[in-house]
């Protein structure tokens, strides 16, 4: 088999139907020179059987003996990659057919040696469908502010998600994903990777990924480990501007912590943002409404503002 142009790394475990959908979305890409490195994250008999039925030689399974989490599985897949470019795909998402072709074209004209090429996505929930991010980064805008600072009460403007990322394989090896981090894995990786030599974030104009937010099944992104996320934020303060630090604390961390209904936690996050960040008026309003409005109602309001039925 000739050397592929792109290695597609997909971590998975015990979700054969979902990962088969993800794999098939890669196999219909308009550029054919790729391999799929499917990392089975721990004991799982069903997934190899399901992938055997696909019957495509471009699909290569790497089985890990014990579960190590998605970041570890991605890092393993990157180490196994044979192509100069690696694209990441979560097992419960899917790509539109032109994704890799569009990204490689953008990479060729990026003007830097190791571009990070991402795309918007279609956020598909049980209630609505809408495009994220709502805008692309402005010239000269610090990426920590692009990803975190809000202009509306129920949503942010900037966004990046794992299944949208294509980067050089050597960059992903030089800057691996943080093993053990349960939330904000792509934000953490992007803000660290963009500091490496010869990098820049390049965004496609069109959504090329479908992000399935099926809320009736288990997702790491629905867990709310606010204390570990606060520890991560404090340990990575240098990645954020003061404006971004306050925005992340009073929106993302606030959303995770609000189910505690603890006045002490409410004040702790407010103090964190004021001490190490620079909150704006909308951050204060966001923090207050997150704690005042039940999460389900906030999600419904967000989807009505952003989406369509």
Protein backbone atom coordinates (compact mmCIF):
# COMPACT_ATOMS: atom_id res chain seq x y z
CA UNK A 1 0.00 0.00 0.00
CA UNK A 2 1.45 3.36 -1.03
CA UNK A 3 2.20 5.96 1.61
CA UNK A 4 -1.04 7.84 2.38
CA UNK A 5 -1.34 11.61 2.29
CA UNK A 6 -3.47 11.76 5.45
CA UNK A 7 -3.75 9.46 8.45
CA UNK A 8 -7.18 9.63 10.08
CA UNK A 9 -7.03 8.77 13.79
CA UNK A 10 -10.26 7.58 15.43
CA UNK A 11 -10.30 6.49 19.09
CA UNK A 12 -13.22 4.24 20.05
CA UNK A 13 -14.49 1.64 22.50
CA UNK A 14 -17.71 -0.37 22.62
CA UNK A 15 -19.59 1.78 20.11
CA UNK A 16 -19.47 -0.32 16.92
CA UNK A 17 -22.47 1.26 15.22
CA UNK A 18 -21.25 4.80 15.80
CA UNK A 19 -17.65 4.17 14.77
CA UNK A 20 -18.81 2.36 11.63
CA UNK A 21 -20.75 5.50 10.67
CA UNK A 22 -17.64 7.61 11.32
CA UNK A 23 -15.42 5.29 9.25
CA UNK A 24 -17.85 5.26 6.33
CA UNK A 25 -17.84 9.08 6.31
CA UNK A 26 -14.06 8.92 5.81
CA UNK A 27 -14.25 6.28 3.10
CA UNK A 28 -16.42 8.56 0.92
CA UNK A 29 -13.93 11.45 1.02
CA UNK A 30 -13.25 12.98 -2.38
CA UNK A 31 -9.48 12.56 -1.93
CA UNK A 32 -8.64 8.84 -1.75
CA UNK A 33 -5.07 8.79 -0.45
CA UNK A 34 -5.61 8.22 3.27
CA UNK A 35 -5.42 5.57 5.92
CA UNK A 36 -7.67 5.15 8.94
CA UNK A 37 -5.93 4.30 12.21
CA UNK A 38 -8.73 3.12 14.47
CA UNK A 39 -7.50 2.86 18.06
CA UNK A 40 -9.64 0.52 20.16
CA UNK A 41 -9.24 1.88 23.68
CA UNK A 42 -9.28 -1.27 25.78
CA UNK A 43 -11.05 -4.66 25.62
CA UNK A 44 -13.79 -4.57 22.97
CA UNK A 45 -14.89 -7.57 20.91
CA UNK A 46 -17.68 -5.88 18.96
CA UNK A 47 -15.70 -3.14 17.21
CA UNK A 48 -13.21 -5.37 15.31
CA UNK A 49 -16.13 -7.52 14.11
CA UNK A 50 -18.05 -4.46 12.89
CA UNK A 51 -15.01 -3.04 11.08
CA UNK A 52 -14.26 -6.38 9.45
CA UNK A 53 -17.60 -6.08 7.67
CA UNK A 54 -16.49 -2.74 6.18
CA UNK A 55 -13.74 -4.63 4.39
CA UNK A 56 -11.54 -1.74 3.32
CA UNK A 57 -7.74 -2.23 3.43
CA UNK A 58 -7.23 1.43 4.33
CA UNK A 59 -8.69 0.73 7.80
CA UNK A 60 -6.06 -0.39 10.32
CA UNK A 61 -6.95 -1.37 13.90
CA UNK A 62 -4.67 -0.74 16.86
CA UNK A 63 -5.95 -2.47 20.00
CA UNK A 64 -4.87 -1.21 23.42
CA UNK A 65 -4.86 -3.77 26.25
CA UNK A 66 -6.42 -1.39 28.81
CA UNK A 67 -8.59 1.70 28.59
CA UNK A 68 -6.48 4.87 28.74
CA UNK A 69 -8.93 7.55 27.63
CA UNK A 70 -9.40 9.41 24.35
CA UNK A 71 -6.28 11.65 24.60
CA UNK A 72 -4.05 8.63 25.13
CA UNK A 73 -5.75 6.77 22.27
CA UNK A 74 -5.29 9.77 19.94
CA UNK A 75 -1.61 10.01 20.86
CA UNK A 76 -1.21 6.30 20.15
CA UNK A 77 -2.87 6.70 16.77
CA UNK A 78 -0.63 9.64 15.89
CA UNK A 79 2.46 7.58 16.73
CA UNK A 80 1.15 4.87 14.39
CA UNK A 81 0.36 7.33 11.57
CA UNK A 82 2.21 6.81 8.28
CA UNK A 83 1.16 10.04 6.54
CA UNK A 84 2.65 13.55 6.77
CA UNK A 85 -0.78 14.89 7.75
CA UNK A 86 -3.08 13.60 10.47
CA UNK A 87 -6.79 14.35 10.82
CA UNK A 88 -8.71 13.59 14.00
CA UNK A 89 -12.22 12.16 14.19
CA UNK A 90 -14.27 11.20 17.24
CA UNK A 91 -16.19 7.96 16.86
CA UNK A 92 -19.62 9.60 17.29
CA UNK A 93 -19.11 12.31 14.65
CA UNK A 94 -18.96 12.18 10.86
CA UNK A 95 -17.41 14.14 8.00
CA UNK A 96 -18.94 15.57 4.87
CA UNK A 97 -17.31 14.19 1.68
CA UNK A 98 -15.11 17.18 0.79
CA UNK A 99 -13.57 17.77 4.21
CA UNK A 100 -10.04 16.48 3.65
CA UNK A 101 -9.77 17.95 0.14
CA UNK A 102 -10.75 21.41 1.40
CA UNK A 103 -8.33 21.23 4.33
CA UNK A 104 -5.37 20.09 2.24
CA UNK A 105 -5.98 22.91 -0.21
CA UNK A 106 -6.02 25.42 2.65
CA UNK A 107 -2.87 23.89 4.13
CA UNK A 108 -1.03 24.29 0.81
CA UNK A 109 -1.67 28.06 0.79
CA UNK A 110 -1.36 28.71 4.55
CA UNK A 111 2.07 30.33 4.32
CA UNK A 112 3.43 28.49 7.38
CA UNK A 113 5.24 25.17 7.64
CA UNK A 114 2.84 23.52 10.10
CA UNK A 115 -0.67 24.93 9.80
CA UNK A 116 -3.49 23.73 12.03
CA UNK A 117 -6.46 23.54 9.69
CA UNK A 118 -9.94 23.41 11.24
CA UNK A 119 -13.46 23.73 9.89
CA UNK A 120 -16.84 24.86 11.17
CA UNK A 121 -19.29 22.10 12.02
CA UNK A 122 -23.00 21.39 12.08
CA UNK A 123 -24.02 21.01 15.72
CA UNK A 124 -26.93 18.57 15.54
CA UNK A 125 -28.98 18.23 18.73
CA UNK A 126 -32.37 16.58 19.36
CA UNK A 127 -33.95 20.06 19.23
CA UNK A 128 -32.09 21.98 16.54
CA UNK A 129 -29.18 22.21 14.13
CA UNK A 130 -26.82 25.15 13.84
CA UNK A 131 -23.33 26.02 12.63
CA UNK A 132 -20.42 26.50 15.00
CA UNK A 133 -18.37 28.65 15.31
CA UNK A 134 -20.55 31.65 14.60
CA UNK A 135 -17.56 33.59 13.24
CA UNK A 136 -13.93 33.04 12.25
CA UNK A 137 -10.99 34.59 14.16
CA UNK A 138 -10.30 38.24 13.43
CA UNK A 139 -6.85 39.24 12.24
CA UNK A 140 -4.55 39.64 15.23
CA UNK A 141 -7.13 38.29 17.69
CA UNK A 142 -5.60 36.21 20.49
CA UNK A 143 -6.95 32.70 20.09
CA UNK A 144 -7.71 32.33 23.79
CA UNK A 145 -10.11 35.27 23.46
CA UNK A 146 -11.55 33.99 20.20
CA UNK A 147 -12.42 30.66 21.84
CA UNK A 148 -13.78 31.99 25.15
CA UNK A 149 -15.08 35.56 25.04
CA UNK A 150 -18.85 35.80 24.63
CA UNK A 151 -20.90 38.40 22.78
CA UNK A 152 -24.24 36.81 23.63
CA UNK A 153 -25.69 35.41 26.86
CA UNK A 154 -26.41 31.88 25.65
CA UNK A 155 -23.53 31.18 23.33
CA UNK A 156 -19.95 31.95 22.42
CA UNK A 157 -18.63 33.11 19.07
CA UNK A 158 -15.45 31.06 18.59
CA UNK A 159 -15.09 27.31 18.72
CA UNK A 160 -12.89 24.36 17.77
CA UNK A 161 -13.70 20.67 18.09
CA UNK A 162 -11.48 17.61 17.75
CA UNK A 163 -13.17 16.16 14.66
CA UNK A 164 -12.49 19.36 12.71
CA UNK A 165 -8.69 19.36 13.18
CA UNK A 166 -6.06 18.47 10.57
CA UNK A 167 -2.39 19.12 11.37
CA UNK A 168 1.04 17.87 10.43
CA UNK A 169 1.82 14.54 12.04
CA UNK A 170 5.09 15.86 13.42
CA UNK A 171 3.28 18.70 15.22
CA UNK A 172 0.82 16.28 16.82
CA UNK A 173 3.77 14.18 17.96
CA UNK A 174 5.66 17.19 19.28
CA UNK A 175 2.57 18.51 21.10
CA UNK A 176 0.54 15.48 22.22
CA UNK A 177 -2.91 15.62 23.79
CA UNK A 178 -2.95 15.90 27.59
CA UNK A 179 -3.65 12.43 28.97
CA UNK A 180 -6.19 12.47 31.79
CA UNK A 181 -7.87 15.73 30.78
CA UNK A 182 -11.58 14.99 30.50
CA UNK A 183 -12.91 18.28 29.11
CA UNK A 184 -11.58 21.02 26.81
CA UNK A 185 -9.12 18.60 25.19
CA UNK A 186 -9.09 20.40 21.84
CA UNK A 187 -8.88 23.86 23.43
CA UNK A 188 -5.94 22.74 25.56
CA UNK A 189 -4.18 21.18 22.57
CA UNK A 190 -4.76 24.11 20.20
CA UNK A 191 -3.56 26.79 22.62
CA UNK A 192 -0.40 24.77 23.31
CA UNK A 193 0.22 23.74 19.71
CA UNK A 194 -0.15 27.26 18.32
CA UNK A 195 2.93 28.27 20.36
CA UNK A 196 5.13 25.79 18.46
CA UNK A 197 7.38 27.04 15.69
CA UNK A 198 5.88 27.45 12.22
CA UNK A 199 2.22 27.16 13.23
CA UNK A 200 -0.93 29.15 12.56
CA UNK A 201 -4.64 28.37 12.81
CA UNK A 202 -6.41 28.30 9.45
CA UNK A 203 -10.20 27.98 9.33
CA UNK A 204 -12.32 26.82 6.40
CA UNK A 205 -15.40 28.90 5.61
CA UNK A 206 -17.90 26.04 5.38
CA UNK A 207 -19.08 23.41 7.89
CA UNK A 208 -17.58 20.04 6.96
CA UNK A 209 -18.22 18.01 10.12
CA UNK A 210 -21.45 16.81 11.73
CA UNK A 211 -21.22 16.92 15.53
CA UNK A 212 -23.92 14.66 16.91
CA UNK A 213 -25.09 15.89 20.30
CA UNK A 214 -27.38 13.01 21.20
CA UNK A 215 -28.06 13.83 24.80
CA UNK A 216 -29.68 10.49 25.67
CA UNK A 217 -26.36 8.63 25.63
CA UNK A 218 -23.11 8.82 27.55
CA UNK A 219 -20.70 11.58 26.52
CA UNK A 220 -17.61 12.86 28.26
CA UNK A 221 -18.63 16.36 27.11
CA UNK A 222 -21.75 16.15 29.28
CA UNK A 223 -19.81 15.50 32.46
CA UNK A 224 -19.19 18.44 34.78
CA UNK A 225 -15.78 18.03 36.48
CA UNK A 226 -15.54 21.70 37.39
CA UNK A 227 -12.89 21.28 40.10
CA UNK A 228 -10.43 19.44 37.84
CA UNK A 229 -11.14 21.97 35.08
CA UNK A 230 -10.38 24.82 37.46
CA UNK A 231 -7.09 23.12 38.36
CA UNK A 232 -6.30 22.77 34.65
CA UNK A 233 -7.11 26.45 34.04
CA UNK A 234 -4.90 27.59 36.91
CA UNK A 235 -2.05 25.43 35.65
CA UNK A 236 -2.34 26.89 32.15
CA UNK A 237 -2.95 30.54 32.98
CA UNK A 238 -0.15 31.59 30.64
CA UNK A 239 -2.16 30.34 27.65
CA UNK A 240 -4.92 32.87 28.31
CA UNK A 241 -5.15 36.63 28.25
CA UNK A 242 -6.75 38.15 31.39
CA UNK A 243 -9.87 38.84 29.35
CA UNK A 244 -10.07 35.21 28.20
CA UNK A 245 -9.29 33.86 31.67
CA UNK A 246 -12.26 35.71 33.16
CA UNK A 247 -14.58 34.72 30.30
CA UNK A 248 -13.70 31.02 30.60
CA UNK A 249 -14.14 31.07 34.38
CA UNK A 250 -17.50 32.84 34.32
CA UNK A 251 -19.00 30.90 31.42
CA UNK A 252 -17.49 27.42 30.94
CA UNK A 253 -16.50 26.74 34.56
CA UNK A 254 -19.64 28.41 35.79
CA UNK A 255 -21.77 26.11 33.63
CA UNK A 256 -20.00 23.06 35.05
CA UNK A 257 -20.30 24.20 38.66
CA UNK A 258 -23.84 25.62 38.65
CA UNK A 259 -25.54 22.24 39.35
CA UNK A 260 -23.92 22.29 42.79
CA UNK A 261 -26.19 25.25 43.69
CA UNK A 262 -23.46 26.26 46.13
CA UNK A 263 -23.14 29.93 47.04
CA UNK A 264 -19.56 29.22 48.09
CA UNK A 265 -18.65 27.90 44.63
CA UNK A 266 -20.45 30.81 42.96
CA UNK A 267 -18.30 33.24 44.95
CA UNK A 268 -15.13 31.19 44.43
CA UNK A 269 -15.42 31.38 40.64
CA UNK A 270 -16.27 35.08 40.80
CA UNK A 271 -13.19 35.70 42.94
CA UNK A 272 -11.02 33.62 40.57
CA UNK A 273 -12.12 35.68 37.57
CA UNK A 274 -11.57 38.99 39.35
CA UNK A 275 -8.21 38.04 40.82
CA UNK A 276 -6.53 36.63 37.72
CA UNK A 277 -8.71 37.93 34.90
CA UNK A 278 -10.41 41.01 33.59
CA UNK A 279 -14.18 40.43 33.53
CA UNK A 280 -16.47 42.50 31.32
CA UNK A 281 -20.09 43.39 31.98
CA UNK A 282 -21.34 40.47 29.88
CA UNK A 283 -19.23 38.06 31.94
CA UNK A 284 -21.01 39.14 35.13
CA UNK A 285 -24.42 38.79 33.47
CA UNK A 286 -23.46 35.41 32.01
CA UNK A 287 -22.26 34.14 35.37
CA UNK A 288 -25.49 35.24 37.05
CA UNK A 289 -27.87 33.77 34.47
CA UNK A 290 -26.04 30.44 34.40
CA UNK A 291 -26.69 30.05 38.11
CA UNK A 292 -30.24 31.44 37.95
CA UNK A 293 -31.63 29.50 34.95
CA UNK A 294 -31.83 25.67 35.02
CA UNK A 295 -29.44 24.00 32.52
CA UNK A 296 -32.20 22.37 30.44
CA UNK A 297 -33.97 25.70 29.98
CA UNK A 298 -30.71 27.41 29.04
CA UNK A 299 -30.07 24.75 26.38
CA UNK A 300 -33.55 25.24 24.94
CA UNK A 301 -33.08 29.02 24.87
CA UNK A 302 -29.65 28.65 23.25
CA UNK A 303 -30.98 26.36 20.54
CA UNK A 304 -33.88 28.72 19.80
CA UNK A 305 -31.46 31.63 19.45
CA UNK A 306 -28.95 29.76 17.29
CA UNK A 307 -30.77 27.01 15.51
CA UNK A 308 -33.62 25.87 13.39
CA UNK A 309 -36.12 23.11 13.99
